[in-house]
Amino acid sequence: MKIVHVVESFGGGVYTYLRDLSHFLSDKPAIDVTIIYSNRRLEITEEQIVHDFPKNIRLICVTMQRELNLIQDLKATFKLRRLFKQLNPDVIHLHSSKAGVLGRGAAFLRGKRNKIFYTPHGYSFLRQDITKTRRKLYFVIEQFTQALLGGTTIACGDTEYELAKKIGTSKLVRNGVNIDKLQASYIPKNSTTTSLTIGTIGRIMPQKNPTLFNAIALLFPQHQFIWIGDGIDREILKAPNITITGWFNNNTSVLQHLNLLDVYLQTSLWEGLPIAVLEAMTFHKPIIATNIIGNKDIVTNGYNGFLFSTIQELEPLINQLTDPTLLTELGDNAYDTCLNTYNIKDNFKQLLDIYLGSKDIL
């Protein structure tokens, strides 16, 4: 079976997802995998891509843009059409909203019936950094693309699945993490002081809401805050108790910093199902997260962390976590959540079964 993945947003959690999926599929001799990607993310170098992906995975770079651009989008669509004709895949799996539109358009223009799957990893119409009018436009594009070009949406989280079912044919395969591999880098931390180390992983950009992260750090000067990553909005993080690590060229350094945290803080404005949060939970970190799609699929209040809607809600929540016993209890529950629900061994097997048995949903 020939599987082609197409991804525009080749960074962050989507990058981790495809890296782990590639390793899962690479040892199956009957499956040939190609990844067509657009590398416009500063945090991911070509050298890192070559290093991170198995040697038997074919990698092809095609320029795609996140925002609407008719000329560039048409160029990318016809380039994808040529590649689909050349590769002749049995399965095409599209990742992110832009790839979902361009890839289905390219498959349609090719004129050959394929098994088409699409994972939004956070629908573009959920974005909070664009106008309401543009969000409505993106929703209409999703509906139109599904109605005209078809395919099956594979949602990465429960709430994304509920949205997907309203648009068209859908299935649920939750994101997951490689728990065994992550556990090899995990170092238990015994917190014995009332000063916590609170942090996050990701690009410093509007989606991750660095403004809120900075405001929380200012509200709790007695605690230390770490932003593991970098990005265009780093100047927003001005609180004196915030450390910005910058980019790393390997995941080992990221995980070393993750070990330093007592609490993982997710301040996102919108998400699909954040893999960085799952990685933190595998490291026994309680989660404090904004009550939005994606975050609320993972976090259960009082069990593995807390959800919040306003900054005023945080003082009693963070004060509770200075209790080492509660910190450990919530962290252990976070790990159990990942082990039972977000383990790639189970979730990628479910995805492979869909690839192999999808004739009935064409």
Protein backbone atom coordinates (compact mmCIF):
# COMPACT_ATOMS: atom_id res chain seq x y z
CA MET A 1 0.00 0.00 0.00
CA LYS A 2 1.27 3.46 -0.94
CA ILE A 3 0.39 6.24 1.51
CA VAL A 4 1.05 9.92 0.81
CA HIS A 5 0.80 12.51 3.57
CA VAL A 6 0.50 16.20 2.69
CA VAL A 7 1.15 18.83 5.35
CA GLU A 8 1.41 22.60 5.20
CA SER A 9 1.97 23.32 8.90
CA PHE A 10 5.14 21.24 9.30
CA GLY A 11 6.02 22.31 12.81
CA GLY A 12 4.91 21.96 16.42
CA GLY A 13 2.52 19.14 17.23
CA VAL A 14 1.80 18.24 13.59
CA TYR A 15 5.53 17.67 13.03
CA THR A 16 5.70 15.42 16.11
CA TYR A 17 2.59 13.54 14.97
CA LEU A 18 4.00 12.79 11.51
CA ARG A 19 7.44 11.95 12.87
CA ASP A 20 5.98 9.39 15.26
CA LEU A 21 3.55 8.02 12.66
CA SER A 22 6.42 7.62 10.19
CA HIS A 23 8.39 5.53 12.66
CA PHE A 24 5.28 3.45 13.37
CA LEU A 25 4.75 2.73 9.65
CA SER A 26 8.41 2.42 8.62
CA ASP A 27 8.87 -1.13 9.89
CA LYS A 28 5.91 -2.45 7.88
CA PRO A 29 7.40 -3.71 4.59
CA ALA A 30 4.08 -3.74 2.73
CA ILE A 31 3.59 0.01 3.27
CA ASP A 32 5.36 2.72 1.25
CA VAL A 33 5.16 6.21 2.80
CA THR A 34 5.79 9.63 1.26
CA ILE A 35 5.47 12.94 3.11
CA ILE A 36 4.93 16.08 1.02
CA TYR A 37 5.57 19.04 3.29
CA SER A 38 6.01 22.80 3.28
CA ASN A 39 8.88 23.90 5.49
CA ARG A 40 8.21 27.53 6.35
CA ARG A 41 8.77 27.15 10.09
CA LEU A 42 11.93 28.67 11.57
CA GLU A 43 12.13 26.09 14.33
CA ILE A 44 12.46 23.14 11.95
CA THR A 45 15.60 22.86 9.80
CA GLU A 46 16.05 20.57 6.82
CA GLU A 47 18.86 18.84 8.71
CA GLN A 48 16.52 18.12 11.61
CA ILE A 49 13.87 16.72 9.27
CA VAL A 50 16.38 14.34 7.69
CA HIS A 51 17.58 13.30 11.15
CA ASP A 52 14.13 12.80 12.68
CA PHE A 53 12.44 10.73 9.97
CA PRO A 54 13.24 7.11 9.03
CA LYS A 55 15.46 6.65 5.98
CA ASN A 56 12.81 4.64 4.13
CA ILE A 57 10.29 7.51 4.31
CA ARG A 58 10.27 9.62 1.14
CA LEU A 59 10.29 13.38 1.88
CA ILE A 60 9.31 15.96 -0.77
CA CYS A 61 9.22 19.71 -0.10
CA VAL A 62 6.50 21.76 -1.84
CA THR A 63 5.89 25.42 -0.99
CA MET A 64 2.46 26.03 0.52
CA GLN A 65 1.23 29.12 2.34
CA ARG A 66 -0.96 29.21 5.42
CA GLU A 67 -3.01 32.26 4.38
CA LEU A 68 -5.20 32.52 1.28
CA ASN A 69 -3.20 33.38 -1.85
CA LEU A 70 -4.95 32.44 -5.09
CA ILE A 71 -1.87 32.33 -7.33
CA GLN A 72 0.36 30.46 -4.87
CA ASP A 73 -2.47 28.11 -3.91
CA LEU A 74 -3.09 27.19 -7.56
CA LYS A 75 0.63 26.60 -8.13
CA ALA A 76 0.76 24.30 -5.10
CA THR A 77 -2.40 22.45 -6.20
CA PHE A 78 -1.02 21.65 -9.65
CA LYS A 79 2.33 20.65 -8.15
CA LEU A 80 0.50 18.23 -5.84
CA ARG A 81 -1.49 16.91 -8.80
CA ARG A 82 1.74 16.09 -10.65
CA LEU A 83 3.17 14.38 -7.59
CA PHE A 84 0.02 12.32 -7.03
CA LYS A 85 0.21 11.19 -10.65
CA GLN A 86 3.86 10.27 -10.24
CA LEU A 87 3.52 8.53 -6.86
CA ASN A 88 0.16 6.84 -7.62
CA PRO A 89 -0.88 6.48 -3.96
CA ASP A 90 -3.58 4.19 -2.60
CA VAL A 91 -4.19 6.52 0.36
CA ILE A 92 -3.82 10.29 0.61
CA HIS A 93 -3.89 11.77 4.12
CA LEU A 94 -4.00 15.56 4.34
CA HIS A 95 -2.95 17.48 7.48
CA SER A 96 -4.04 21.04 8.36
CA SER A 97 -6.77 23.12 6.77
CA LYS A 98 -4.71 24.45 3.85
CA ALA A 99 -3.42 21.01 2.85
CA GLY A 100 -6.97 19.71 3.23
CA VAL A 101 -8.20 22.07 0.53
CA LEU A 102 -5.20 21.94 -1.82
CA GLY A 103 -4.76 18.18 -1.53
CA ARG A 104 -8.39 17.35 -2.24
CA GLY A 105 -8.36 19.78 -5.16
CA ALA A 106 -5.24 18.14 -6.57
CA ALA A 107 -6.70 14.65 -6.19
CA PHE A 108 -9.91 15.75 -7.93
CA LEU A 109 -7.98 17.30 -10.84
CA ARG A 110 -5.96 14.13 -11.21
CA GLY A 111 -9.20 12.32 -11.97
CA LYS A 112 -8.34 9.08 -10.18
CA ARG A 113 -10.29 7.80 -7.22
CA ASN A 114 -8.19 7.59 -4.05
CA LYS A 115 -8.88 7.00 -0.40
CA ILE A 116 -8.78 10.60 0.88
CA PHE A 117 -8.43 11.42 4.56
CA TYR A 118 -8.10 14.82 6.20
CA THR A 119 -7.04 15.78 9.73
CA PRO A 120 -7.48 19.49 10.56
CA HIS A 121 -5.30 19.45 13.72
CA GLY A 122 -7.37 22.47 14.78
CA TYR A 123 -9.81 23.90 12.25
CA SER A 124 -8.77 27.24 10.74
CA PHE A 125 -12.21 28.68 11.51
CA LEU A 126 -11.34 28.40 15.23
CA ARG A 127 -8.49 30.89 14.92
CA GLN A 128 -8.73 33.91 17.21
CA ASP A 129 -6.06 36.00 15.46
CA ILE A 130 -8.30 36.78 12.47
CA THR A 131 -11.57 38.63 11.99
CA LYS A 132 -14.98 37.05 12.55
CA THR A 133 -15.69 37.51 8.84
CA ARG A 134 -12.61 35.55 7.88
CA ARG A 135 -13.48 32.79 10.33
CA LYS A 136 -16.89 32.49 8.68
CA LEU A 137 -15.18 32.34 5.28
CA TYR A 138 -12.91 29.51 6.44
CA PHE A 139 -15.93 27.60 7.75
CA VAL A 140 -17.68 27.95 4.39
CA ILE A 141 -14.52 26.75 2.61
CA GLU A 142 -14.46 23.66 4.85
CA GLN A 143 -18.10 22.91 4.07
CA PHE A 144 -17.71 23.54 0.35
CA THR A 145 -14.54 21.44 0.05
CA GLN A 146 -16.15 18.53 1.89
CA ALA A 147 -19.37 18.71 -0.12
CA LEU A 148 -17.68 19.03 -3.52
CA LEU A 149 -14.51 16.95 -3.13
CA GLY A 150 -15.45 14.48 -0.41
CA GLY A 151 -13.04 12.47 1.70
CA THR A 152 -13.22 11.37 5.31
CA THR A 153 -12.17 13.64 8.16
CA ILE A 154 -10.10 11.91 10.84
CA ALA A 155 -10.44 14.14 13.89
CA CYS A 156 -7.54 14.21 16.34
CA GLY A 157 -9.66 14.95 19.42
CA ASP A 158 -13.19 14.50 20.75
CA THR A 159 -14.41 18.07 20.28
CA GLU A 160 -12.83 18.31 16.83
CA TYR A 161 -14.75 15.13 16.02
CA GLU A 162 -18.04 16.72 17.08
CA LEU A 163 -17.33 19.64 14.73
CA ALA A 164 -16.23 17.33 11.91
CA LYS A 165 -19.46 15.31 12.05
CA LYS A 166 -21.43 18.49 11.35
CA ILE A 167 -19.41 19.04 8.15
CA GLY A 168 -19.28 15.54 6.69
CA THR A 169 -18.11 11.93 6.97
CA SER A 170 -15.81 11.64 9.97
CA LYS A 171 -13.93 9.28 12.24
CA LEU A 172 -12.08 9.80 15.53
CA VAL A 173 -8.45 8.80 16.03
CA ARG A 174 -7.04 10.71 18.97
CA ASN A 175 -3.53 12.13 18.94
CA GLY A 176 -1.06 10.16 20.99
CA VAL A 177 2.52 10.08 22.20
CA ASN A 178 5.23 7.45 22.32
CA ILE A 179 5.04 6.80 26.05
CA ASP A 180 7.84 4.21 26.15
CA LYS A 181 10.27 6.53 24.36
CA LEU A 182 9.33 9.56 26.46
CA GLN A 183 9.66 7.62 29.69
CA ALA A 184 13.30 6.93 28.83
CA SER A 185 13.95 10.69 29.19
CA TYR A 186 11.76 11.27 32.23
CA ILE A 187 13.44 12.19 35.53
CA PRO A 188 11.08 12.38 38.56
CA LYS A 189 11.18 15.73 40.33
CA ASN A 190 10.54 16.07 44.04
CA SER A 191 9.14 19.52 44.76
CA THR A 192 9.71 20.49 48.40
CA THR A 193 9.37 24.30 48.26
CA THR A 194 6.42 26.63 47.78
CA SER A 195 8.10 28.16 44.70
CA LEU A 196 6.95 26.34 41.58
CA THR A 197 8.51 26.13 38.14
CA ILE A 198 5.71 26.57 35.63
CA GLY A 199 6.25 26.31 31.89
CA THR A 200 5.06 25.58 28.40
CA ILE A 201 6.42 24.33 25.05
CA GLY A 202 5.78 25.91 21.68
CA ARG A 203 6.16 28.78 19.27
CA ILE A 204 5.71 32.22 20.80
CA MET A 205 2.87 33.28 18.54
CA PRO A 206 -0.76 34.47 18.81
CA GLN A 207 -2.26 30.96 19.01
CA LYS A 208 -0.29 30.19 22.17
CA ASN A 209 -1.32 33.52 23.75
CA PRO A 210 1.99 34.79 25.18
CA THR A 211 0.15 37.88 26.45
CA LEU A 212 -1.80 35.73 28.91
CA PHE A 213 1.31 33.72 29.83
CA ASN A 214 3.13 36.98 30.66
CA ALA A 215 0.19 38.29 32.70
CA ILE A 216 0.10 35.07 34.75
CA ALA A 217 3.84 35.32 35.44
CA LEU A 218 3.37 38.91 36.66
CA LEU A 219 0.51 37.77 38.90
CA PHE A 220 2.71 35.11 40.53
CA PRO A 221 6.17 36.68 41.02
CA GLN A 222 7.02 34.05 43.65
CA HIS A 223 7.09 31.33 40.95
CA GLN A 224 9.45 30.80 38.03
CA PHE A 225 8.14 30.53 34.48
CA ILE A 226 9.83 28.91 31.45
CA TRP A 227 8.81 29.17 27.82
CA ILE A 228 10.48 26.27 26.02
CA GLY A 229 10.77 27.55 22.46
CA ASP A 230 10.88 30.88 20.66
CA GLY A 231 8.91 32.87 18.12
CA ILE A 232 7.88 36.14 16.55
CA ASP A 233 6.13 37.44 19.69
CA ARG A 234 8.93 36.84 22.20
CA GLU A 235 9.05 40.56 23.10
CA ILE A 236 5.64 40.11 24.77
CA LEU A 237 7.22 37.92 27.46
CA LYS A 238 8.66 40.74 29.58
CA ALA A 239 7.95 39.51 33.12
CA PRO A 240 11.23 39.26 35.07
CA ASN A 241 10.45 35.71 36.26
CA ILE A 242 10.12 34.31 32.68
CA THR A 243 12.98 32.44 30.99
CA ILE A 244 12.83 31.87 27.22
CA THR A 245 14.99 28.91 26.18
CA GLY A 246 15.07 29.57 22.41
CA TRP A 247 14.88 26.87 19.76
CA PHE A 248 16.57 23.49 20.10
CA ASN A 249 17.74 21.36 17.18
CA ASN A 250 16.82 18.11 18.94
CA ASN A 251 13.99 16.83 21.06
CA THR A 252 16.37 15.68 23.81
CA SER A 253 17.04 19.27 24.91
CA VAL A 254 13.31 20.04 24.95
CA LEU A 255 12.61 17.06 27.19
CA GLN A 256 15.45 18.01 29.53
CA HIS A 257 13.74 21.35 30.13
CA LEU A 258 10.36 19.66 30.48
CA ASN A 259 11.82 17.68 33.38
CA LEU A 260 12.48 20.96 35.22
CA LEU A 261 8.80 21.88 35.42
CA ASP A 262 6.46 21.31 38.33
CA VAL A 263 3.37 22.40 36.39
CA TYR A 264 2.60 22.65 32.67
CA LEU A 265 0.70 25.78 31.65
CA GLN A 266 -1.22 25.87 28.35
CA THR A 267 -2.55 29.35 27.54
CA SER A 268 -3.70 28.65 23.95
CA LEU A 269 -6.55 30.50 22.27
CA TRP A 270 -7.39 27.53 20.02
CA GLU A 271 -6.10 23.98 19.51
CA GLY A 272 -6.78 20.64 17.85
CA LEU A 273 -5.45 18.26 20.50
CA PRO A 274 -2.08 19.57 21.75
CA ILE A 275 0.66 16.96 21.69
CA ALA A 276 2.96 19.07 23.89
CA VAL A 277 0.38 18.78 26.67
CA LEU A 278 0.34 15.00 26.25
CA GLU A 279 4.14 14.91 26.46
CA ALA A 280 3.99 16.91 29.70
CA MET A 281 1.41 14.53 31.11
CA THR A 282 3.66 11.59 30.24
CA PHE A 283 6.26 13.38 32.39
CA HIS A 284 3.78 13.38 35.33
CA LYS A 285 3.11 17.13 35.10
CA PRO A 286 -0.25 18.49 36.28
CA ILE A 287 -1.84 20.69 33.59
CA ILE A 288 -3.32 24.15 33.94
CA ALA A 289 -4.99 25.04 30.64
CA THR A 290 -7.42 27.43 29.06
CA ASN A 291 -10.90 25.96 28.73
CA ILE A 292 -10.93 25.63 24.93
CA ILE A 293 -11.33 22.92 22.28
CA GLY A 294 -8.45 20.46 22.56
CA ASN A 295 -7.39 21.38 26.09
CA LYS A 296 -10.77 20.46 27.56
CA ASP A 297 -10.61 17.07 25.82
CA ILE A 298 -7.50 16.19 27.82
CA VAL A 299 -7.80 17.90 31.19
CA THR A 300 -10.27 16.77 33.84
CA ASN A 301 -10.67 19.35 36.59
CA GLY A 302 -9.22 18.19 39.88
CA TYR A 303 -8.04 14.87 38.44
CA ASN A 304 -5.04 15.60 36.18
CA GLY A 305 -5.04 19.40 36.36
CA PHE A 306 -7.35 22.37 36.03
CA LEU A 307 -9.11 24.30 33.28
CA PHE A 308 -9.64 28.06 33.55
CA SER A 309 -11.49 30.72 31.59
CA THR A 310 -10.25 33.89 33.28
CA ILE A 311 -6.97 34.80 34.95
CA GLN A 312 -8.85 35.58 38.17
CA GLU A 313 -9.57 31.86 38.59
CA LEU A 314 -5.89 30.95 38.79
CA GLU A 315 -4.85 32.09 42.26
CA PRO A 316 -6.59 29.31 44.23
CA LEU A 317 -5.63 26.73 41.59
CA ILE A 318 -1.92 27.51 41.58
CA ASN A 319 -1.86 27.92 45.36
CA GLN A 320 -3.25 24.39 45.69
CA LEU A 321 -0.37 23.05 43.62
CA THR A 322 2.22 24.21 46.16
CA ASP A 323 1.10 21.15 48.14
CA PRO A 324 3.60 18.41 47.09
CA THR A 325 1.09 15.64 47.77
CA LEU A 326 -1.54 17.12 45.46
CA LEU A 327 1.11 17.95 42.85
CA THR A 328 2.22 14.31 42.79
CA GLU A 329 -1.33 12.95 42.75
CA LEU A 330 -2.41 15.10 39.80
CA GLY A 331 0.84 14.35 37.96
CA ASP A 332 0.39 10.59 38.36
CA ASN A 333 -3.20 10.90 37.14
CA ALA A 334 -1.97 12.85 34.14
CA TYR A 335 0.37 10.00 33.25
CA ASP A 336 -2.43 7.45 33.64
CA THR A 337 -4.62 9.51 31.29
CA CYS A 338 -1.97 9.32 28.58
CA LEU A 339 -1.29 5.65 29.14
CA ASN A 340 -4.96 4.72 28.84
CA THR A 341 -6.18 7.10 26.12
CA TYR A 342 -3.31 8.78 24.25
CA ASN A 343 -0.85 5.96 23.58
CA ILE A 344 0.28 5.87 19.93
CA LYS A 345 0.62 2.09 20.06
CA ASP A 346 -3.16 1.88 20.21
CA ASN A 347 -4.12 5.03 18.31
CA PHE A 348 -1.84 4.53 15.30
CA LYS A 349 -3.00 0.92 15.03
CA GLN A 350 -6.55 2.28 14.82
CA LEU A 351 -5.46 4.69 12.07
CA LEU A 352 -3.73 1.93 10.11
CA ASP A 353 -6.88 -0.19 10.31
CA ILE A 354 -8.81 2.71 8.74
CA TYR A 355 -6.26 2.97 5.92
CA LEU A 356 -6.44 -0.75 5.24
CA GLY A 357 -10.19 -1.17 5.55
CA SER A 358 -11.51 2.09 4.13
CA LYS A 359 -13.13 0.83 0.91
CA ASP A 360 -16.51 0.93 2.54
CA ILE A 361 -16.32 4.68 3.22
CA LEU A 362 -15.15 5.87 -0.19
